[in-house]
PDB file of N, CA and C in Angstrom:
ATOM      1  N   MET A   1      45.431  85.804 115.232  1.00  0.00           N
ATOM      2  CA  MET A   1      44.152  86.040 114.799  1.00  0.00           C
ATOM      3  C   MET A   1      43.247  85.564 115.631  1.00  0.00           C
ATOM      4  N   GLN A   2      42.083  86.045 115.574  1.00  0.00           N
ATOM      5  CA  GLN A   2      40.757  85.714 116.542  1.00  0.00           C
ATOM      6  C   GLN A   2      40.187  84.422 116.146  1.00  0.00           C
ATOM      7  N   ALA A   3      39.761  83.825 117.014  1.00  0.00           N
ATOM      8  CA  ALA A   3      38.987  82.574 116.755  1.00  0.00           C
ATOM      9  C   ALA A   3      38.085  82.375 117.972  1.00  0.00           C
ATOM     10  N   LEU A   4      36.873  81.387 117.614  1.00  0.00           N
ATOM     11  CA  LEU A   4      36.200  81.059 118.819  1.00  0.00           C
ATOM     12  C   LEU A   4      36.989  79.583 119.275  1.00  0.00           C
ATOM     13  N   LEU A   5      37.042  79.442 120.592  1.00  0.00           N
ATOM     14  CA  LEU A   5      37.830  78.208 120.953  1.00  0.00           C
ATOM     15  C   LEU A   5      36.964  77.672 122.042  1.00  0.00           C
ATOM     16  N   SER A   6      37.383  76.132 121.916  1.00  0.00           N
ATOM     17  CA  SER A   6      36.501  75.473 122.960  1.00  0.00           C
ATOM     18  C   SER A   6      36.774  75.799 124.275  1.00  0.00           C
ATOM     19  N   ALA A   7      35.906  75.817 125.066  1.00  0.00           N
ATOM     20  CA  ALA A   7      35.945  75.928 126.608  1.00  0.00           C
ATOM     21  C   ALA A   7      34.908  75.495 127.404  1.00  0.00           C
ATOM     22  N   PRO A   8      35.089  74.273 127.476  1.00  0.00           N
ATOM     23  CA  PRO A   8      34.011  73.239 128.068  1.00  0.00           C
ATOM     24  C   PRO A   8      33.620  73.927 129.438  1.00  0.00           C
ATOM     25  N   ASN A   9      34.266  74.449 130.208  1.00  0.00           N
ATOM     26  CA  ASN A   9      33.802  75.095 131.482  1.00  0.00           C
ATOM     27  C   ASN A   9      32.764  76.314 131.323  1.00  0.00           C
ATOM     28  N   SER A  10      33.021  77.093 130.238  1.00  0.00           N
ATOM     29  CA  SER A  10      32.077  78.223 129.910  1.00  0.00           C
ATOM     30  C   SER A  10      30.645  78.009 129.727  1.00  0.00           C
ATOM     31  N   PRO A  11      29.774  78.892 129.867  1.00  0.00           N
ATOM     32  CA  PRO A  11      28.290  78.690 129.721  1.00  0.00           C
ATOM     33  C   PRO A  11      28.051  78.199 128.237  1.00  0.00           C
ATOM     34  N   ALA A  12      28.566  78.669 127.324  1.00  0.00           N
ATOM     35  CA  ALA A  12      28.279  78.256 125.894  1.00  0.00           C
ATOM     36  C   ALA A  12      29.391  77.315 125.373  1.00  0.00           C
ATOM     37  N   GLY A  13      30.219  76.904 126.127  1.00  0.00           N
ATOM     38  CA  GLY A  13      31.239  75.843 125.662  1.00  0.00           C
ATOM     39  C   GLY A  13      32.258  76.449 124.729  1.00  0.00           C
ATOM     40  N   VAL A  14      32.220  77.881 124.460  1.00  0.00           N
ATOM     41  CA  VAL A  14      33.297  78.464 123.469  1.00  0.00           C
ATOM     42  C   VAL A  14      33.482  79.874 124.270  1.00  0.00           C
ATOM     43  N   ARG A  15      34.849  80.351 123.751  1.00  0.00           N
ATOM     44  CA  ARG A  15      35.187  81.764 124.071  1.00  0.00           C
ATOM     45  C   ARG A  15      36.025  82.160 122.843  1.00  0.00           C
ATOM     46  N   PHE A  16      36.034  83.483 123.006  1.00  0.00           N
ATOM     47  CA  PHE A  16      37.019  84.228 121.791  1.00  0.00           C
ATOM     48  C   PHE A  16      38.276  84.352 122.368  1.00  0.00           C
ATOM     49  N   GLY A  17      39.187  83.969 121.399  1.00  0.00           N
ATOM     50  CA  GLY A  17      40.779  84.024 121.758  1.00  0.00           C
ATOM     51  C   GLY A  17      41.594  84.079 120.715  1.00  0.00           C
ATOM     52  N   GLU A  18      42.916  84.315 120.755  1.00  0.00           N
ATOM     53  CA  GLU A  18      43.964  84.376 119.888  1.00  0.00           C
ATOM     54  C   GLU A  18      44.706  82.888 119.600  1.00  0.00           C
ATOM     55  N   VAL A  19      44.668  82.706 118.280  1.00  0.00           N
ATOM     56  CA  VAL A  19      45.611  81.626 117.834  1.00  0.00           C
ATOM     57  C   VAL A  19      46.562  81.875 116.620  1.00  0.00           C
ATOM     58  N   PRO A  20      47.525  80.975 116.522  1.00  0.00           N
ATOM     59  CA  PRO A  20      48.301  81.278 115.357  1.00  0.00           C
ATOM     60  C   PRO A  20      47.680  81.067 113.910  1.00  0.00           C
ATOM     61  N   GLU A  21      48.280  81.731 112.881  1.00  0.00           N
ATOM     62  CA  GLU A  21      47.852  81.821 111.664  1.00  0.00           C
ATOM     63  C   GLU A  21      47.945  80.380 111.137  1.00  0.00           C
ATOM     64  N   PRO A  22      47.009  79.786 110.346  1.00  0.00           N
ATOM     65  CA  PRO A  22      47.085  78.550 109.876  1.00  0.00           C
ATOM     66  C   PRO A  22      48.225  78.410 108.875  1.00  0.00           C
ATOM     67  N   LEU A  23      48.917  77.216 109.101  1.00  0.00           N
ATOM     68  CA  LEU A  23      50.033  77.041 108.382  1.00  0.00           C
ATOM     69  C   LEU A  23      49.619  75.662 107.330  1.00  0.00           C
ATOM     70  N   PRO A  24      49.457  76.040 106.051  1.00  0.00           N
ATOM     71  CA  PRO A  24      48.952  74.919 105.203  1.00  0.00           C
ATOM     72  C   PRO A  24      50.172  73.615 104.878  1.00  0.00           C
ATOM     73  N   GLN A  25      49.614  72.638 104.625  1.00  0.00           N
ATOM     74  CA  GLN A  25      50.447  71.426 104.463  1.00  0.00           C
ATOM     75  C   GLN A  25      50.407  71.420 102.943  1.00  0.00           C
ATOM     76  N   ALA A  26      50.870  70.410 102.294  1.00  0.00           N
ATOM     77  CA  ALA A  26      51.001  69.982 100.921  1.00  0.00           C
ATOM     78  C   ALA A  26      49.509  69.869 100.512  1.00  0.00           C
ATOM     79  N   GLY A  27      49.202  70.521  99.407  1.00  0.00           N
ATOM     80  CA  GLY A  27      47.899  70.278  98.909  1.00  0.00           C
ATOM     81  C   GLY A  27      46.729  71.092  99.449  1.00  0.00           C
ATOM     82  N   GLU A  28      47.236  72.126 100.332  1.00  0.00           N
ATOM     83  CA  GLU A  28      46.093  72.823 101.193  1.00  0.00           C
ATOM     84  C   GLU A  28      46.135  74.293 101.024  1.00  0.00           C
ATOM     85  N   VAL A  29      44.964  74.987 100.814  1.00  0.00           N
ATOM     86  CA  VAL A  29      44.948  76.409 100.714  1.00  0.00           C
ATOM     87  C   VAL A  29      44.472  76.926 102.172  1.00  0.00           C
ATOM     88  N   VAL A  30      44.821  78.335 102.338  1.00  0.00           N
ATOM     89  CA  VAL A  30      44.336  79.093 103.441  1.00  0.00           C
ATOM     90  C   VAL A  30      43.212  79.906 103.047  1.00  0.00           C
ATOM     91  N   ILE A  31      42.033  79.854 103.807  1.00  0.00           N
ATOM     92  CA  ILE A  31      40.954  80.597 103.202  1.00  0.00           C
ATOM     93  C   ILE A  31      40.705  81.618 104.541  1.00  0.00           C
ATOM     94  N   GLU A  32      40.497  82.918 103.877  1.00  0.00           N
ATOM     95  CA  GLU A  32      40.041  84.026 104.726  1.00  0.00           C
ATOM     96  C   GLU A  32      38.423  83.864 104.963  1.00  0.00           C
ATOM     97  N   VAL A  33      38.092  83.347 106.356  1.00  0.00           N
ATOM     98  CA  VAL A  33      36.783  82.932 106.556  1.00  0.00           C
ATOM     99  C   VAL A  33      35.718  84.130 106.741  1.00  0.00           C
ATOM    100  N   GLU A  34      34.868  84.144 105.806  1.00  0.00           N
ATOM    101  CA  GLU A  34      33.681  85.107 105.849  1.00  0.00           C
ATOM    102  C   GLU A  34      32.500  84.812 106.718  1.00  0.00           C
ATOM    103  N   LEU A  35      32.175  83.499 106.566  1.00  0.00           N
ATOM    104  CA  LEU A  35      30.904  83.048 107.093  1.00  0.00           C
ATOM    105  C   LEU A  35      31.160  81.531 107.640  1.00  0.00           C
ATOM    106  N   PHE A  36      30.652  81.170 108.633  1.00  0.00           N
ATOM    107  CA  PHE A  36      30.588  79.648 109.128  1.00  0.00           C
ATOM    108  C   PHE A  36      29.312  79.549 109.984  1.00  0.00           C
ATOM    109  N   THR A  37      28.822  78.316 109.927  1.00  0.00           N
ATOM    110  CA  THR A  37      27.543  78.033 110.720  1.00  0.00           C
ATOM    111  C   THR A  37      27.952  77.796 112.012  1.00  0.00           C
ATOM    112  N   LEU A  38      26.960  78.332 113.126  1.00  0.00           N
ATOM    113  CA  LEU A  38      27.008  78.239 114.338  1.00  0.00           C
ATOM    114  C   LEU A  38      25.590  77.739 115.019  1.00  0.00           C
ATOM    115  N   LEU A  39      25.706  76.339 114.995  1.00  0.00           N
ATOM    116  CA  LEU A  39      24.273  75.750 115.249  1.00  0.00           C
ATOM    117  C   LEU A  39      24.436  75.140 116.932  1.00  0.00           C
ATOM    118  N   ALA A  40      23.455  74.748 117.393  1.00  0.00           N
ATOM    119  CA  ALA A  40      23.391  74.181 118.893  1.00  0.00           C
ATOM    120  C   ALA A  40      24.289  73.014 118.943  1.00  0.00           C
ATOM    121  N   ARG A  41      24.166  72.120 117.793  1.00  0.00           N
ATOM    122  CA  ARG A  41      24.820  70.754 117.945  1.00  0.00           C
ATOM    123  C   ARG A  41      26.265  71.126 117.714  1.00  0.00           C
ATOM    124  N   ASN A  42      26.797  72.280 116.857  1.00  0.00           N
ATOM    125  CA  ASN A  42      28.125  72.539 116.688  1.00  0.00           C
ATOM    126  C   ASN A  42      28.709  72.977 118.232  1.00  0.00           C
ATOM    127  N   LEU A  43      27.786  73.815 118.933  1.00  0.00           N
ATOM    128  CA  LEU A  43      28.357  74.221 120.340  1.00  0.00           C
ATOM    129  C   LEU A  43      28.442  72.864 121.183  1.00  0.00           C
ATOM    130  N   ASP A  44      27.477  71.973 121.103  1.00  0.00           N
ATOM    131  CA  ASP A  44      27.626  70.785 121.984  1.00  0.00           C
ATOM    132  C   ASP A  44      28.867  70.026 121.636  1.00  0.00           C
ATOM    133  N   HIS A  45      29.168  70.001 120.388  1.00  0.00           N
ATOM    134  CA  HIS A  45      30.539  69.260 119.969  1.00  0.00           C
ATOM    135  C   HIS A  45      31.806  69.972 120.346  1.00  0.00           C
ATOM    136  N   ALA A  46      31.563  71.414 120.287  1.00  0.00           N
ATOM    137  CA  ALA A  46      32.827  72.183 120.673  1.00  0.00           C
ATOM    138  C   ALA A  46      33.161  72.027 122.278  1.00  0.00           C
ATOM    139  N   ALA A  47      32.085  71.853 122.994  1.00  0.00           N
ATOM    140  CA  ALA A  47      32.302  71.543 124.419  1.00  0.00           C
ATOM    141  C   ALA A  47      32.917  70.348 124.753  1.00  0.00           C
ATOM    142  N   THR A  48      33.081  69.386 123.936  1.00  0.00           N
ATOM    143  CA  THR A  48      33.620  68.036 123.944  1.00  0.00           C
ATOM    144  C   THR A  48      35.216  68.115 123.719  1.00  0.00           C
ATOM    145  N   LEU A  49      35.642  69.082 123.028  1.00  0.00           N
ATOM    146  CA  LEU A  49      37.075  69.188 122.356  1.00  0.00           C
ATOM    147  C   LEU A  49      37.850  69.624 123.434  1.00  0.00           C
ATOM    148  N   PRO A  50      39.156  69.333 123.435  1.00  0.00           N
ATOM    149  CA  PRO A  50      40.020  69.829 124.335  1.00  0.00           C
ATOM    150  C   PRO A  50      40.051  71.513 124.471  1.00  0.00           C
ATOM    151  N   THR A  51      40.279  72.077 125.640  1.00  0.00           N
ATOM    152  CA  THR A  51      40.283  73.511 125.918  1.00  0.00           C
ATOM    153  C   THR A  51      41.084  74.082 124.790  1.00  0.00           C
ATOM    154  N   GLY A  52      40.708  75.098 124.255  1.00  0.00           N
ATOM    155  CA  GLY A  52      41.623  75.895 123.289  1.00  0.00           C
ATOM    156  C   GLY A  52      41.456  75.343 121.948  1.00  0.00           C
ATOM    157  N   SER A  53      40.775  74.389 121.451  1.00  0.00           N
ATOM    158  CA  SER A  53      40.811  73.733 120.064  1.00  0.00           C
ATOM    159  C   SER A  53      39.901  74.734 119.461  1.00  0.00           C
ATOM    160  N   VAL A  54      40.158  74.936 118.016  1.00  0.00           N
ATOM    161  CA  VAL A  54      39.206  75.686 117.270  1.00  0.00           C
ATOM    162  C   VAL A  54      38.182  74.719 116.620  1.00  0.00           C
ATOM    163  N   PRO A  55      36.953  74.831 116.872  1.00  0.00           N
ATOM    164  CA  PRO A  55      36.087  74.044 116.319  1.00  0.00           C
ATOM    165  C   PRO A  55      35.541  74.465 114.944  1.00  0.00           C
ATOM    166  N   GLY A  56      34.577  73.955 114.370  1.00  0.00           N
ATOM    167  CA  GLY A  56      33.870  74.318 113.251  1.00  0.00           C
ATOM    168  C   GLY A  56      34.238  73.538 112.018  1.00  0.00           C
ATOM    169  N   PHE A  57      33.085  73.021 111.190  1.00  0.00           N
ATOM    170  CA  PHE A  57      33.488  72.021 110.057  1.00  0.00           C
ATOM    171  C   PHE A  57      33.252  72.959 108.707  1.00  0.00           C
ATOM    172  N   ASP A  58      32.480  73.851 108.578  1.00  0.00           N
ATOM    173  CA  ASP A  58      32.294  74.515 107.245  1.00  0.00           C
ATOM    174  C   ASP A  58      32.342  76.033 107.198  1.00  0.00           C
ATOM    175  N   ALA A  59      32.929  76.615 106.007  1.00  0.00           N
ATOM    176  CA  ALA A  59      33.189  77.856 105.938  1.00  0.00           C
ATOM    177  C   ALA A  59      33.084  78.402 104.533  1.00  0.00           C
ATOM    178  N   ILE A  60      32.848  79.614 104.423  1.00  0.00           N
ATOM    179  CA  ILE A  60      32.815  80.237 103.264  1.00  0.00           C
ATOM    180  C   ILE A  60      33.590  81.329 103.157  1.00  0.00           C
ATOM    181  N   GLY A  61      34.523  81.643 102.130  1.00  0.00           N
ATOM    182  CA  GLY A  61      35.532  82.803 102.058  1.00  0.00           C
ATOM    183  C   GLY A  61      36.179  82.949 100.881  1.00  0.00           C
ATOM    184  N   VAL A  62      37.396  83.538 101.021  1.00  0.00           N
ATOM    185  CA  VAL A  62      38.202  83.748  99.875  1.00  0.00           C
ATOM    186  C   VAL A  62      39.609  83.089 100.242  1.00  0.00           C
ATOM    187  N   VAL A  63      40.180  82.689  99.125  1.00  0.00           N
ATOM    188  CA  VAL A  63      41.332  81.864  99.249  1.00  0.00           C
ATOM    189  C   VAL A  63      42.603  83.184  99.444  1.00  0.00           C
ATOM    190  N   ARG A  64      43.265  82.942 100.600  1.00  0.00           N
ATOM    191  CA  ARG A  64      44.261  83.941 100.889  1.00  0.00           C
ATOM    192  C   ARG A  64      45.559  83.374 100.419  1.00  0.00           C
ATOM    193  N   GLN A  65      45.876  82.224 100.646  1.00  0.00           N
ATOM    194  CA  GLN A  65      47.051  81.510 100.201  1.00  0.00           C
ATOM    195  C   GLN A  65      46.813  80.482  99.315  1.00  0.00           C
ATOM    196  N   ALA A  66      47.552  80.472  98.234  1.00  0.00           N
ATOM    197  CA  ALA A  66      47.272  79.147  97.327  1.00  0.00           C
ATOM    198  C   ALA A  66      48.139  77.999  97.957  1.00  0.00           C
ATOM    199  N   ALA A  67      47.944  76.845  97.232  1.00  0.00           N
ATOM    200  CA  ALA A  67      48.706  75.534  97.793  1.00  0.00           C
ATOM    201  C   ALA A  67      50.118  75.689  97.093  1.00  0.00           C
ATOM    202  N   LYS A  68      51.051  75.225  97.818  1.00  0.00           N
ATOM    203  CA  LYS A  68      52.515  75.444  97.350  1.00  0.00           C
ATOM    204  C   LYS A  68      52.664  74.688  96.151  1.00  0.00           C
ATOM    205  N   ASP A  69      51.919  73.473  95.978  1.00  0.00           N
ATOM    206  CA  ASP A  69      52.141  72.556  95.013  1.00  0.00           C
ATOM    207  C   ASP A  69      51.385  72.943  93.480  1.00  0.00           C
ATOM    208  N   GLY A  70      50.601  74.016  93.783  1.00  0.00           N
ATOM    209  CA  GLY A  70      49.839  74.569  92.508  1.00  0.00           C
ATOM    210  C   GLY A  70      48.539  74.043  92.519  1.00  0.00           C
ATOM    211  N   SER A  71      48.225  73.034  93.124  1.00  0.00           N
ATOM    212  CA  SER A  71      46.956  72.630  93.119  1.00  0.00           C
ATOM    213  C   SER A  71      45.777  73.536  93.680  1.00  0.00           C
ATOM    214  N   GLY A  72      44.590  73.455  93.190  1.00  0.00           N
ATOM    215  CA  GLY A  72      43.507  74.250  93.780  1.00  0.00           C
ATOM    216  C   GLY A  72      43.469  75.676  93.392  1.00  0.00           C
ATOM    217  N   PRO A  73      42.394  76.349  93.897  1.00  0.00           N
ATOM    218  CA  PRO A  73      42.205  77.778  93.458  1.00  0.00           C
ATOM    219  C   PRO A  73      43.258  78.756  93.731  1.00  0.00           C
ATOM    220  N   PRO A  74      43.340  79.819  92.935  1.00  0.00           N
ATOM    221  CA  PRO A  74      44.433  80.879  93.138  1.00  0.00           C
ATOM    222  C   PRO A  74      43.788  81.898  94.136  1.00  0.00           C
ATOM    223  N   PRO A  75      44.646  82.706  94.792  1.00  0.00           N
ATOM    224  CA  PRO A  75      44.304  83.634  95.780  1.00  0.00           C
ATOM    225  C   PRO A  75      43.197  84.699  95.301  1.00  0.00           C
ATOM    226  N   GLY A  76      42.065  84.811  95.995  1.00  0.00           N
ATOM    227  CA  GLY A  76      41.137  85.613  95.564  1.00  0.00           C
ATOM    228  C   GLY A  76      39.841  85.023  95.106  1.00  0.00           C
ATOM    229  N   THR A  77      39.939  83.597  95.051  1.00  0.00           N
ATOM    230  CA  THR A  77      38.933  82.874  94.484  1.00  0.00           C
ATOM    231  C   THR A  77      37.896  82.573  95.865  1.00  0.00           C
ATOM    232  N   ARG A  78      36.625  82.879  95.599  1.00  0.00           N
ATOM    233  CA  ARG A  78      35.625  82.615  96.473  1.00  0.00           C
ATOM    234  C   ARG A  78      35.329  81.115  96.631  1.00  0.00           C
ATOM    235  N   VAL A  79      35.202  80.512  97.812  1.00  0.00           N
ATOM    236  CA  VAL A  79      35.087  79.071  97.994  1.00  0.00           C
ATOM    237  C   VAL A  79      34.342  78.836  99.096  1.00  0.00           C
ATOM    238  N   ALA A  80      33.751  77.507  99.136  1.00  0.00           N
ATOM    239  CA  ALA A  80      33.055  76.915 100.475  1.00  0.00           C
ATOM    240  C   ALA A  80      33.799  75.549 100.641  1.00  0.00           C
ATOM    241  N   THR A  81      34.032  75.413 101.895  1.00  0.00           N
ATOM    242  CA  THR A  81      34.681  74.047 102.349  1.00  0.00           C
ATOM    243  C   THR A  81      34.004  73.460 103.504  1.00  0.00           C
ATOM    244  N   LEU A  82      34.368  72.085 103.543  1.00  0.00           N
ATOM    245  CA  LEU A  82      34.028  71.273 104.750  1.00  0.00           C
ATOM    246  C   LEU A  82      35.309  70.876 105.325  1.00  0.00           C
ATOM    247  N   THR A  83      35.722  71.238 106.505  1.00  0.00           N
ATOM    248  CA  THR A  83      36.966  70.876 107.236  1.00  0.00           C
ATOM    249  C   THR A  83      36.830  69.935 108.236  1.00  0.00           C
ATOM    250  N   SER A  84      37.939  69.538 108.771  1.00  0.00           N
ATOM    251  CA  SER A  84      37.773  68.362 109.851  1.00  0.00           C
ATOM    252  C   SER A  84      37.548  69.097 111.271  1.00  0.00           C
ATOM    253  N   GLY A  85      37.543  70.409 111.215  1.00  0.00           N
ATOM    254  CA  GLY A  85      37.496  71.198 112.264  1.00  0.00           C
ATOM    255  C   GLY A  85      38.552  72.416 112.333  1.00  0.00           C
ATOM    256  N   THR A  86      38.168  73.586 112.706  1.00  0.00           N
ATOM    257  CA  THR A  86      39.092  74.846 112.556  1.00  0.00           C
ATOM    258  C   THR A  86      38.505  75.911 111.745  1.00  0.00           C
ATOM    259  N   ALA A  87      37.189  75.795 111.508  1.00  0.00           N
ATOM    260  CA  ALA A  87      36.572  76.888 110.590  1.00  0.00           C
ATOM    261  C   ALA A  87      36.194  77.970 111.359  1.00  0.00           C
ATOM    262  N   TRP A  88      36.079  77.977 112.598  1.00  0.00           N
ATOM    263  CA  TRP A  88      35.521  79.191 113.417  1.00  0.00           C
ATOM    264  C   TRP A  88      36.770  80.128 113.822  1.00  0.00           C
ATOM    265  N   ALA A  89      37.358  80.532 112.749  1.00  0.00           N
ATOM    266  CA  ALA A  89      38.486  81.382 112.993  1.00  0.00           C
ATOM    267  C   ALA A  89      38.571  82.417 111.967  1.00  0.00           C
ATOM    268  N   GLU A  90      39.313  83.410 112.011  1.00  0.00           N
ATOM    269  CA  GLU A  90      39.438  84.353 110.870  1.00  0.00           C
ATOM    270  C   GLU A  90      40.040  83.847 109.533  1.00  0.00           C
ATOM    271  N   ALA A  91      40.734  82.672 109.780  1.00  0.00           N
ATOM    272  CA  ALA A  91      41.357  81.833 108.446  1.00  0.00           C
ATOM    273  C   ALA A  91      41.354  80.451 109.011  1.00  0.00           C
ATOM    274  N   CYS A  92      41.329  79.679 107.835  1.00  0.00           N
ATOM    275  CA  CYS A  92      41.393  78.232 108.240  1.00  0.00           C
ATOM    276  C   CYS A  92      42.094  77.440 106.853  1.00  0.00           C
ATOM    277  N   ARG A  93      42.711  76.533 107.242  1.00  0.00           N
ATOM    278  CA  ARG A  93      43.248  75.827 106.133  1.00  0.00           C
ATOM    279  C   ARG A  93      42.444  74.493 105.655  1.00  0.00           C
ATOM    280  N   THR A  94      42.595  74.244 104.353  1.00  0.00           N
ATOM    281  CA  THR A  94      41.443  73.168 103.932  1.00  0.00           C
ATOM    282  C   THR A  94      42.208  72.487 102.633  1.00  0.00           C
ATOM    283  N   ARG A  95      41.538  71.536 102.099  1.00  0.00           N
ATOM    284  CA  ARG A  95      42.150  70.861 101.050  1.00  0.00           C
ATOM    285  C   ARG A  95      42.262  71.621  99.791  1.00  0.00           C
ATOM    286  N   ALA A  96      43.019  71.614  98.815  1.00  0.00           N
ATOM    287  CA  ALA A  96      42.983  72.601  97.708  1.00  0.00           C
ATOM    288  C   ALA A  96      42.096  72.032  96.401  1.00  0.00           C
ATOM    289  N   ARG A  97      42.050  70.862  96.443  1.00  0.00           N
ATOM    290  CA  ARG A  97      41.339  70.446  95.198  1.00  0.00           C
ATOM    291  C   ARG A  97      39.779  70.268  95.474  1.00  0.00           C
ATOM    292  N   ALA A  98      38.925  70.734  94.448  1.00  0.00           N
ATOM    293  CA  ALA A  98      37.523  70.541  94.557  1.00  0.00           C
ATOM    294  C   ALA A  98      37.049  69.316  95.024  1.00  0.00           C
ATOM    295  N   GLY A  99      35.988  69.086  95.886  1.00  0.00           N
ATOM    296  CA  GLY A  99      35.558  67.862  96.158  1.00  0.00           C
ATOM    297  C   GLY A  99      36.330  67.222  97.297  1.00  0.00           C
ATOM    298  N   ASP A 100      37.517  67.493  97.582  1.00  0.00           N
ATOM    299  CA  ASP A 100      38.198  67.007  98.655  1.00  0.00           C
ATOM    300  C   ASP A 100      37.707  67.507  99.980  1.00  0.00           C
ATOM    301  N   ARG A 101      37.796  66.763 101.088  1.00  0.00           N
ATOM    302  CA  ARG A 101      37.495  67.131 102.413  1.00  0.00           C
ATOM    303  C   ARG A 101      38.603  67.152 103.236  1.00  0.00           C
ATOM    304  N   ALA A 102      38.851  68.090 104.093  1.00  0.00           N
ATOM    305  CA  ALA A 102      40.109  68.208 104.766  1.00  0.00           C
ATOM    306  C   ALA A 102      39.985  67.150 106.174  1.00  0.00           C
TER     307      ALA A 102
END
């Protein structure tokens, strides 16, 4: 899948690239990302990450894969999330329960 990747040696600190599909852990859902924020401070942070990392803290989208343990919203549910980084991709994984932070 396509993602913006950290690239500290590039002018913007990021580049487009391919990454594997996210694999959810227990209590996590996979979100099809429709929107994320891209601010100057986010680009500054991305440039500090290891080359090839997927940055990004917030995303809006639709649940693609429900949590295996049954927690959280079902597929097709529109959601907004804060992650620990990985939102700048076509899909990301995040905690399944409302109010949780990944």
